[in-house]
Amino acid sequence: VANAAENDGVEKIHSINGSIQFTNV
């Protein structure tokens, strides 16, 4: 479980105030 820890960012988002954009994913 420890070795499979999720890669997590540090920036917290409090609202989806805009569009969600997929670019060449």
mmCIF file of all heavy atoms, coordinates in Angstrom:
data_MODEL
# 
_entry.id   MODEL 
# 
loop_
_atom_site.group_PDB 
_atom_site.id 
_atom_site.type_symbol 
_atom_site.label_atom_id 
_atom_site.label_alt_id 
_atom_site.label_comp_id 
_atom_site.label_asym_id 
_atom_site.label_entity_id 
_atom_site.label_seq_id 
_atom_site.pdbx_PDB_ins_code 
_atom_site.Cartn_x 
_atom_site.Cartn_y 
_atom_site.Cartn_z 
_atom_site.occupancy 
_atom_site.B_iso_or_equiv 
_atom_site.pdbx_formal_charge 
_atom_site.auth_seq_id 
_atom_site.auth_comp_id 
_atom_site.auth_asym_id 
_atom_site.auth_atom_id 
_atom_site.pdbx_PDB_model_num 
ATOM 1   N N   . VAL A 1 1  ? 0.841   -1.203 0.000   1.00 0.00 ? 1  VAL A N   1 
ATOM 2   C CA  . VAL A 1 1  ? 0.000   0.000  0.000   1.00 0.00 ? 1  VAL A CA  1 
ATOM 3   C C   . VAL A 1 1  ? 0.873   1.249  0.000   1.00 0.00 ? 1  VAL A C   1 
ATOM 4   O O   . VAL A 1 1  ? 0.610   2.214  -0.727  1.00 0.00 ? 1  VAL A O   1 
ATOM 5   C CB  . VAL A 1 1  ? -0.945  -0.001 1.220   1.00 0.00 ? 1  VAL A CB  1 
ATOM 6   C CG1 . VAL A 1 1  ? -1.658  1.346  1.343   1.00 0.00 ? 1  VAL A CG1 1 
ATOM 7   C CG2 . VAL A 1 1  ? -1.978  -1.115 1.094   1.00 0.00 ? 1  VAL A CG2 1 
ATOM 8   N N   . ALA A 1 2  ? 1.916   1.235  0.830   1.00 0.00 ? 2  ALA A N   1 
ATOM 9   C CA  . ALA A 1 2  ? 2.814   2.389  0.905   1.00 0.00 ? 2  ALA A CA  1 
ATOM 10  C C   . ALA A 1 2  ? 3.525   2.625  -0.427  1.00 0.00 ? 2  ALA A C   1 
ATOM 11  O O   . ALA A 1 2  ? 3.666   3.768  -0.881  1.00 0.00 ? 2  ALA A O   1 
ATOM 12  C CB  . ALA A 1 2  ? 3.830   2.185  2.026   1.00 0.00 ? 2  ALA A CB  1 
ATOM 13  N N   . ASN A 1 3  ? 3.969   1.541  -1.071  1.00 0.00 ? 3  ASN A N   1 
ATOM 14  C CA  . ASN A 1 3  ? 4.677   1.667  -2.345  1.00 0.00 ? 3  ASN A CA  1 
ATOM 15  C C   . ASN A 1 3  ? 3.753   2.092  -3.487  1.00 0.00 ? 3  ASN A C   1 
ATOM 16  O O   . ASN A 1 3  ? 4.227   2.614  -4.501  1.00 0.00 ? 3  ASN A O   1 
ATOM 17  C CB  . ASN A 1 3  ? 5.355   0.338  -2.704  1.00 0.00 ? 3  ASN A CB  1 
ATOM 18  C CG  . ASN A 1 3  ? 6.485   -0.020 -1.753  1.00 0.00 ? 3  ASN A CG  1 
ATOM 19  O OD1 . ASN A 1 3  ? 7.100   0.856  -1.149  1.00 0.00 ? 3  ASN A OD1 1 
ATOM 20  N ND2 . ASN A 1 3  ? 6.751   -1.308 -1.593  1.00 0.00 ? 3  ASN A ND2 1 
ATOM 21  N N   . ALA A 1 4  ? 2.440   1.832  -3.310  1.00 0.00 ? 4  ALA A N   1 
ATOM 22  C CA  . ALA A 1 4  ? 1.479   2.175  -4.362  1.00 0.00 ? 4  ALA A CA  1 
ATOM 23  C C   . ALA A 1 4  ? 0.752   3.484  -4.062  1.00 0.00 ? 4  ALA A C   1 
ATOM 24  O O   . ALA A 1 4  ? -0.346  3.726  -4.561  1.00 0.00 ? 4  ALA A O   1 
ATOM 25  C CB  . ALA A 1 4  ? 0.459   1.048  -4.521  1.00 0.00 ? 4  ALA A CB  1 
ATOM 26  N N   . ALA A 1 5  ? 1.378   4.338  -3.238  1.00 0.00 ? 5  ALA A N   1 
ATOM 27  C CA  . ALA A 1 5  ? 0.742   5.603  -2.871  1.00 0.00 ? 5  ALA A CA  1 
ATOM 28  C C   . ALA A 1 5  ? 0.447   6.445  -4.111  1.00 0.00 ? 5  ALA A C   1 
ATOM 29  O O   . ALA A 1 5  ? 1.245   6.514  -5.051  1.00 0.00 ? 5  ALA A O   1 
ATOM 30  C CB  . ALA A 1 5  ? 1.635   6.380  -1.910  1.00 0.00 ? 5  ALA A CB  1 
ATOM 31  N N   . GLU A 1 6  ? -0.702  7.061  -4.105  1.00 0.00 ? 6  GLU A N   1 
ATOM 32  C CA  . GLU A 1 6  ? -1.148  7.863  -5.241  1.00 0.00 ? 6  GLU A CA  1 
ATOM 33  C C   . GLU A 1 6  ? -0.310  9.132  -5.365  1.00 0.00 ? 6  GLU A C   1 
ATOM 34  O O   . GLU A 1 6  ? -0.015  9.796  -4.371  1.00 0.00 ? 6  GLU A O   1 
ATOM 35  C CB  . GLU A 1 6  ? -2.626  8.221  -5.056  1.00 0.00 ? 6  GLU A CB  1 
ATOM 36  C CG  . GLU A 1 6  ? -3.268  8.884  -6.239  1.00 0.00 ? 6  GLU A CG  1 
ATOM 37  C CD  . GLU A 1 6  ? -4.759  9.061  -6.041  1.00 0.00 ? 6  GLU A CD  1 
ATOM 38  O OE1 . GLU A 1 6  ? -5.170  9.431  -4.922  1.00 0.00 ? 6  GLU A OE1 1 
ATOM 39  O OE2 . GLU A 1 6  ? -5.517  8.823  -6.995  1.00 0.00 ? 6  GLU A OE2 1 
ATOM 40  N N   . ASN A 1 7  ? 0.091   9.451  -6.591  1.00 0.00 ? 7  ASN A N   1 
ATOM 41  C CA  . ASN A 1 7  ? 0.795   10.708 -6.828  1.00 0.00 ? 7  ASN A CA  1 
ATOM 42  C C   . ASN A 1 7  ? -0.188  11.856 -6.696  1.00 0.00 ? 7  ASN A C   1 
ATOM 43  O O   . ASN A 1 7  ? -1.123  11.980 -7.485  1.00 0.00 ? 7  ASN A O   1 
ATOM 44  C CB  . ASN A 1 7  ? 1.437   10.707 -8.221  1.00 0.00 ? 7  ASN A CB  1 
ATOM 45  C CG  . ASN A 1 7  ? 2.532   9.676  -8.358  1.00 0.00 ? 7  ASN A CG  1 
ATOM 46  O OD1 . ASN A 1 7  ? 3.272   9.431  -7.413  1.00 0.00 ? 7  ASN A OD1 1 
ATOM 47  N ND2 . ASN A 1 7  ? 2.653   9.072  -9.539  1.00 0.00 ? 7  ASN A ND2 1 
ATOM 48  N N   . ASP A 1 8  ? 0.010   12.666 -5.689  1.00 0.00 ? 8  ASP A N   1 
ATOM 49  C CA  . ASP A 1 8  ? -0.967  13.703 -5.369  1.00 0.00 ? 8  ASP A CA  1 
ATOM 50  C C   . ASP A 1 8  ? -0.325  15.080 -5.455  1.00 0.00 ? 8  ASP A C   1 
ATOM 51  O O   . ASP A 1 8  ? 0.800   15.294 -4.987  1.00 0.00 ? 8  ASP A O   1 
ATOM 52  C CB  . ASP A 1 8  ? -1.514  13.478 -3.954  1.00 0.00 ? 8  ASP A CB  1 
ATOM 53  C CG  . ASP A 1 8  ? -2.918  14.027 -3.793  1.00 0.00 ? 8  ASP A CG  1 
ATOM 54  O OD1 . ASP A 1 8  ? -3.440  14.588 -4.771  1.00 0.00 ? 8  ASP A OD1 1 
ATOM 55  O OD2 . ASP A 1 8  ? -3.489  13.914 -2.698  1.00 0.00 ? 8  ASP A OD2 1 
ATOM 56  N N   . GLY A 1 9  ? -1.049  16.013 -6.057  1.00 0.00 ? 9  GLY A N   1 
ATOM 57  C CA  . GLY A 1 9  ? -0.563  17.384 -6.110  1.00 0.00 ? 9  GLY A CA  1 
ATOM 58  C C   . GLY A 1 9  ? -0.818  18.121 -4.809  1.00 0.00 ? 9  GLY A C   1 
ATOM 59  O O   . GLY A 1 9  ? -1.442  17.601 -3.886  1.00 0.00 ? 9  GLY A O   1 
ATOM 60  N N   . VAL A 1 10 ? -0.355  19.343 -4.742  1.00 0.00 ? 10 VAL A N   1 
ATOM 61  C CA  . VAL A 1 10 ? -0.487  20.135 -3.504  1.00 0.00 ? 10 VAL A CA  1 
ATOM 62  C C   . VAL A 1 10 ? -1.499  21.255 -3.643  1.00 0.00 ? 10 VAL A C   1 
ATOM 63  O O   . VAL A 1 10 ? -1.960  21.817 -2.640  1.00 0.00 ? 10 VAL A O   1 
ATOM 64  C CB  . VAL A 1 10 ? 0.881   20.720 -3.096  1.00 0.00 ? 10 VAL A CB  1 
ATOM 65  C CG1 . VAL A 1 10 ? 1.841   19.596 -2.744  1.00 0.00 ? 10 VAL A CG1 1 
ATOM 66  C CG2 . VAL A 1 10 ? 1.475   21.595 -4.197  1.00 0.00 ? 10 VAL A CG2 1 
ATOM 67  N N   . GLU A 1 11 ? -1.873  21.585 -4.868  1.00 0.00 ? 11 GLU A N   1 
ATOM 68  C CA  . GLU A 1 11 ? -2.808  22.694 -5.069  1.00 0.00 ? 11 GLU A CA  1 
ATOM 69  C C   . GLU A 1 11 ? -4.242  22.218 -4.823  1.00 0.00 ? 11 GLU A C   1 
ATOM 70  O O   . GLU A 1 11 ? -4.705  21.272 -5.455  1.00 0.00 ? 11 GLU A O   1 
ATOM 71  C CB  . GLU A 1 11 ? -2.679  23.253 -6.484  1.00 0.00 ? 11 GLU A CB  1 
ATOM 72  C CG  . GLU A 1 11 ? -1.316  23.839 -6.794  1.00 0.00 ? 11 GLU A CG  1 
ATOM 73  C CD  . GLU A 1 11 ? -1.230  24.352 -8.227  1.00 0.00 ? 11 GLU A CD  1 
ATOM 74  O OE1 . GLU A 1 11 ? -2.293  24.369 -8.917  1.00 0.00 ? 11 GLU A OE1 1 
ATOM 75  O OE2 . GLU A 1 11 ? -0.123  24.705 -8.671  1.00 0.00 ? 11 GLU A OE2 1 
ATOM 76  N N   . LYS A 1 12 ? -4.931  22.880 -3.920  1.00 0.00 ? 12 LYS A N   1 
ATOM 77  C CA  . LYS A 1 12 ? -6.324  22.526 -3.632  1.00 0.00 ? 12 LYS A CA  1 
ATOM 78  C C   . LYS A 1 12 ? -7.262  23.378 -4.482  1.00 0.00 ? 12 LYS A C   1 
ATOM 79  O O   . LYS A 1 12 ? -7.059  24.566 -4.655  1.00 0.00 ? 12 LYS A O   1 
ATOM 80  C CB  . LYS A 1 12 ? -6.621  22.713 -2.148  1.00 0.00 ? 12 LYS A CB  1 
ATOM 81  C CG  . LYS A 1 12 ? -5.892  21.723 -1.254  1.00 0.00 ? 12 LYS A CG  1 
ATOM 82  C CD  . LYS A 1 12 ? -6.400  21.790 0.178   1.00 0.00 ? 12 LYS A CD  1 
ATOM 83  C CE  . LYS A 1 12 ? -5.736  20.715 1.035   1.00 0.00 ? 12 LYS A CE  1 
ATOM 84  N NZ  . LYS A 1 12 ? -6.233  20.732 2.431   1.00 0.00 ? 12 LYS A NZ  1 
ATOM 85  N N   . ILE A 1 13 ? -8.282  22.709 -5.006  1.00 0.00 ? 13 ILE A N   1 
ATOM 86  C CA  . ILE A 1 13 ? -9.285  23.396 -5.799  1.00 0.00 ? 13 ILE A CA  1 
ATOM 87  C C   . ILE A 1 13 ? -10.593 23.449 -5.008  1.00 0.00 ? 13 ILE A C   1 
ATOM 88  O O   . ILE A 1 13 ? -11.016 22.447 -4.425  1.00 0.00 ? 13 ILE A O   1 
ATOM 89  C CB  . ILE A 1 13 ? -9.476  22.697 -7.164  1.00 0.00 ? 13 ILE A CB  1 
ATOM 90  C CG1 . ILE A 1 13 ? -10.470 23.466 -8.024  1.00 0.00 ? 13 ILE A CG1 1 
ATOM 91  C CG2 . ILE A 1 13 ? -9.894  21.237 -6.990  1.00 0.00 ? 13 ILE A CG2 1 
ATOM 92  C CD1 . ILE A 1 13 ? -10.549 22.951 -9.456  1.00 0.00 ? 13 ILE A CD1 1 
ATOM 93  N N   . HIS A 1 14 ? -11.207 24.600 -4.953  1.00 0.00 ? 14 HIS A N   1 
ATOM 94  C CA  . HIS A 1 14 ? -12.413 24.790 -4.141  1.00 0.00 ? 14 HIS A CA  1 
ATOM 95  C C   . HIS A 1 14 ? -13.675 24.952 -4.988  1.00 0.00 ? 14 HIS A C   1 
ATOM 96  O O   . HIS A 1 14 ? -14.780 24.915 -4.455  1.00 0.00 ? 14 HIS A O   1 
ATOM 97  C CB  . HIS A 1 14 ? -12.236 26.008 -3.234  1.00 0.00 ? 14 HIS A CB  1 
ATOM 98  C CG  . HIS A 1 14 ? -11.035 25.912 -2.329  1.00 0.00 ? 14 HIS A CG  1 
ATOM 99  N ND1 . HIS A 1 14 ? -10.995 25.063 -1.245  1.00 0.00 ? 14 HIS A ND1 1 
ATOM 100 C CD2 . HIS A 1 14 ? -9.828  26.532 -2.386  1.00 0.00 ? 14 HIS A CD2 1 
ATOM 101 C CE1 . HIS A 1 14 ? -9.812  25.169 -0.642  1.00 0.00 ? 14 HIS A CE1 1 
ATOM 102 N NE2 . HIS A 1 14 ? -9.089  26.051 -1.309  1.00 0.00 ? 14 HIS A NE2 1 
ATOM 103 N N   . SER A 1 15 ? -13.494 25.133 -6.306  1.00 0.00 ? 15 SER A N   1 
ATOM 104 C CA  . SER A 1 15 ? -14.660 25.283 -7.167  1.00 0.00 ? 15 SER A CA  1 
ATOM 105 C C   . SER A 1 15 ? -14.258 24.997 -8.606  1.00 0.00 ? 15 SER A C   1 
ATOM 106 O O   . SER A 1 15 ? -13.149 25.331 -9.035  1.00 0.00 ? 15 SER A O   1 
ATOM 107 C CB  . SER A 1 15 ? -15.215 26.710 -7.052  1.00 0.00 ? 15 SER A CB  1 
ATOM 108 O OG  . SER A 1 15 ? -16.297 26.899 -7.942  1.00 0.00 ? 15 SER A OG  1 
ATOM 109 N N   . ILE A 1 16 ? -15.174 24.344 -9.329  1.00 0.00 ? 16 ILE A N   1 
ATOM 110 C CA  . ILE A 1 16 ? -14.946 24.124 -10.763 1.00 0.00 ? 16 ILE A CA  1 
ATOM 111 C C   . ILE A 1 16 ? -15.520 25.336 -11.490 1.00 0.00 ? 16 ILE A C   1 
ATOM 112 O O   . ILE A 1 16 ? -16.620 25.290 -12.064 1.00 0.00 ? 16 ILE A O   1 
ATOM 113 C CB  . ILE A 1 16 ? -15.599 22.817 -11.241 1.00 0.00 ? 16 ILE A CB  1 
ATOM 114 C CG1 . ILE A 1 16 ? -15.043 21.634 -10.446 1.00 0.00 ? 16 ILE A CG1 1 
ATOM 115 C CG2 . ILE A 1 16 ? -15.334 22.598 -12.731 1.00 0.00 ? 16 ILE A CG2 1 
ATOM 116 C CD1 . ILE A 1 16 ? -15.642 20.296 -10.830 1.00 0.00 ? 16 ILE A CD1 1 
ATOM 117 N N   . ASN A 1 17 ? -14.786 26.418 -11.427 1.00 0.00 ? 17 ASN A N   1 
ATOM 118 C CA  . ASN A 1 17 ? -15.285 27.684 -11.972 1.00 0.00 ? 17 ASN A CA  1 
ATOM 119 C C   . ASN A 1 17 ? -14.742 27.880 -13.382 1.00 0.00 ? 17 ASN A C   1 
ATOM 120 O O   . ASN A 1 17 ? -13.916 28.744 -13.652 1.00 0.00 ? 17 ASN A O   1 
ATOM 121 C CB  . ASN A 1 17 ? -14.855 28.850 -11.065 1.00 0.00 ? 17 ASN A CB  1 
ATOM 122 C CG  . ASN A 1 17 ? -15.533 30.149 -11.466 1.00 0.00 ? 17 ASN A CG  1 
ATOM 123 O OD1 . ASN A 1 17 ? -16.574 30.136 -12.113 1.00 0.00 ? 17 ASN A OD1 1 
ATOM 124 N ND2 . ASN A 1 17 ? -14.913 31.259 -11.107 1.00 0.00 ? 17 ASN A ND2 1 
ATOM 125 N N   . GLY A 1 18 ? -15.196 27.018 -14.280 1.00 0.00 ? 18 GLY A N   1 
ATOM 126 C CA  . GLY A 1 18 ? -14.738 27.086 -15.652 1.00 0.00 ? 18 GLY A CA  1 
ATOM 127 C C   . GLY A 1 18 ? -14.873 25.746 -16.340 1.00 0.00 ? 18 GLY A C   1 
ATOM 128 O O   . GLY A 1 18 ? -15.470 24.800 -15.807 1.00 0.00 ? 18 GLY A O   1 
ATOM 129 N N   . SER A 1 19 ? -14.314 25.628 -17.513 1.00 0.00 ? 19 SER A N   1 
ATOM 130 C CA  . SER A 1 19 ? -14.439 24.415 -18.313 1.00 0.00 ? 19 SER A CA  1 
ATOM 131 C C   . SER A 1 19 ? -13.385 23.380 -17.925 1.00 0.00 ? 19 SER A C   1 
ATOM 132 O O   . SER A 1 19 ? -12.350 23.706 -17.347 1.00 0.00 ? 19 SER A O   1 
ATOM 133 C CB  . SER A 1 19 ? -14.284 24.744 -19.804 1.00 0.00 ? 19 SER A CB  1 
ATOM 134 O OG  . SER A 1 19 ? -15.290 25.663 -20.219 1.00 0.00 ? 19 SER A OG  1 
ATOM 135 N N   . ILE A 1 20 ? -13.676 22.134 -18.272 1.00 0.00 ? 20 ILE A N   1 
ATOM 136 C CA  . ILE A 1 20 ? -12.706 21.049 -18.150 1.00 0.00 ? 20 ILE A CA  1 
ATOM 137 C C   . ILE A 1 20 ? -12.215 20.750 -19.561 1.00 0.00 ? 20 ILE A C   1 
ATOM 138 O O   . ILE A 1 20 ? -13.021 20.511 -20.470 1.00 0.00 ? 20 ILE A O   1 
ATOM 139 C CB  . ILE A 1 20 ? -13.325 19.797 -17.517 1.00 0.00 ? 20 ILE A CB  1 
ATOM 140 C CG1 . ILE A 1 20 ? -13.826 20.122 -16.104 1.00 0.00 ? 20 ILE A CG1 1 
ATOM 141 C CG2 . ILE A 1 20 ? -12.312 18.655 -17.472 1.00 0.00 ? 20 ILE A CG2 1 
ATOM 142 C CD1 . ILE A 1 20 ? -14.592 18.997 -15.453 1.00 0.00 ? 20 ILE A CD1 1 
ATOM 143 N N   . GLN A 1 21 ? -10.900 20.786 -19.746 1.00 0.00 ? 21 GLN A N   1 
ATOM 144 C CA  . GLN A 1 21 ? -10.328 20.676 -21.072 1.00 0.00 ? 21 GLN A CA  1 
ATOM 145 C C   . GLN A 1 21 ? -9.389  19.477 -21.186 1.00 0.00 ? 21 GLN A C   1 
ATOM 146 O O   . GLN A 1 21 ? -8.439  19.349 -20.415 1.00 0.00 ? 21 GLN A O   1 
ATOM 147 C CB  . GLN A 1 21 ? -9.541  21.955 -21.400 1.00 0.00 ? 21 GLN A CB  1 
ATOM 148 C CG  . GLN A 1 21 ? -8.983  22.014 -22.801 1.00 0.00 ? 21 GLN A CG  1 
ATOM 149 C CD  . GLN A 1 21 ? -10.054 22.326 -23.840 1.00 0.00 ? 21 GLN A CD  1 
ATOM 150 O OE1 . GLN A 1 21 ? -10.905 23.191 -23.622 1.00 0.00 ? 21 GLN A OE1 1 
ATOM 151 N NE2 . GLN A 1 21 ? -10.032 21.613 -24.958 1.00 0.00 ? 21 GLN A NE2 1 
ATOM 152 N N   . PHE A 1 22 ? -9.689  18.555 -22.114 1.00 0.00 ? 22 PHE A N   1 
ATOM 153 C CA  . PHE A 1 22 ? -8.786  17.458 -22.481 1.00 0.00 ? 22 PHE A CA  1 
ATOM 154 C C   . PHE A 1 22 ? -8.036  17.884 -23.745 1.00 0.00 ? 22 PHE A C   1 
ATOM 155 O O   . PHE A 1 22 ? -8.674  18.250 -24.746 1.00 0.00 ? 22 PHE A O   1 
ATOM 156 C CB  . PHE A 1 22 ? -9.553  16.180 -22.775 1.00 0.00 ? 22 PHE A CB  1 
ATOM 157 C CG  . PHE A 1 22 ? -9.979  15.397 -21.564 1.00 0.00 ? 22 PHE A CG  1 
ATOM 158 C CD1 . PHE A 1 22 ? -10.797 15.953 -20.598 1.00 0.00 ? 22 PHE A CD1 1 
ATOM 159 C CD2 . PHE A 1 22 ? -9.557  14.088 -21.383 1.00 0.00 ? 22 PHE A CD2 1 
ATOM 160 C CE1 . PHE A 1 22 ? -11.206 15.232 -19.482 1.00 0.00 ? 22 PHE A CE1 1 
ATOM 161 C CE2 . PHE A 1 22 ? -9.940  13.353 -20.275 1.00 0.00 ? 22 PHE A CE2 1 
ATOM 162 C CZ  . PHE A 1 22 ? -10.768 13.928 -19.315 1.00 0.00 ? 22 PHE A CZ  1 
ATOM 163 N N   . THR A 1 23 ? -6.705  17.830 -23.716 1.00 0.00 ? 23 THR A N   1 
ATOM 164 C CA  . THR A 1 23 ? -5.906  18.224 -24.877 1.00 0.00 ? 23 THR A CA  1 
ATOM 165 C C   . THR A 1 23 ? -4.943  17.110 -25.257 1.00 0.00 ? 23 THR A C   1 
ATOM 166 O O   . THR A 1 23 ? -3.999  16.810 -24.512 1.00 0.00 ? 23 THR A O   1 
ATOM 167 C CB  . THR A 1 23 ? -5.119  19.515 -24.590 1.00 0.00 ? 23 THR A CB  1 
ATOM 168 O OG1 . THR A 1 23 ? -6.016  20.542 -24.142 1.00 0.00 ? 23 THR A OG1 1 
ATOM 169 C CG2 . THR A 1 23 ? -4.372  19.981 -25.830 1.00 0.00 ? 23 THR A CG2 1 
ATOM 170 N N   . ASN A 1 24 ? -5.196  16.473 -26.384 1.00 0.00 ? 24 ASN A N   1 
ATOM 171 C CA  . ASN A 1 24 ? -4.331  15.399 -26.908 1.00 0.00 ? 24 ASN A CA  1 
ATOM 172 C C   . ASN A 1 24 ? -4.016  14.332 -25.849 1.00 0.00 ? 24 ASN A C   1 
ATOM 173 O O   . ASN A 1 24 ? -2.865  13.884 -25.716 1.00 0.00 ? 24 ASN A O   1 
ATOM 174 C CB  . ASN A 1 24 ? -3.022  15.981 -27.460 1.00 0.00 ? 24 ASN A CB  1 
ATOM 175 C CG  . ASN A 1 24 ? -3.247  16.922 -28.628 1.00 0.00 ? 24 ASN A CG  1 
ATOM 176 O OD1 . ASN A 1 24 ? -4.119  16.683 -29.461 1.00 0.00 ? 24 ASN A OD1 1 
ATOM 177 N ND2 . ASN A 1 24 ? -2.477  18.003 -28.675 1.00 0.00 ? 24 ASN A ND2 1 
ATOM 178 N N   . VAL A 1 25 ? -5.017  13.920 -25.115 1.00 0.00 ? 25 VAL A N   1 
ATOM 179 C CA  . VAL A 1 25 ? -4.834  12.975 -24.019 1.00 0.00 ? 25 VAL A CA  1 
ATOM 180 C C   . VAL A 1 25 ? -4.723  11.553 -24.554 1.00 0.00 ? 25 VAL A C   1 
ATOM 181 O O   . VAL A 1 25 ? -5.497  11.134 -25.426 1.00 0.00 ? 25 VAL A O   1 
ATOM 182 C CB  . VAL A 1 25 ? -5.999  13.068 -23.008 1.00 0.00 ? 25 VAL A CB  1 
ATOM 183 C CG1 . VAL A 1 25 ? -5.930  11.926 -21.986 1.00 0.00 ? 25 VAL A CG1 1 
ATOM 184 C CG2 . VAL A 1 25 ? -5.953  14.409 -22.291 1.00 0.00 ? 25 VAL A CG2 1 
# 
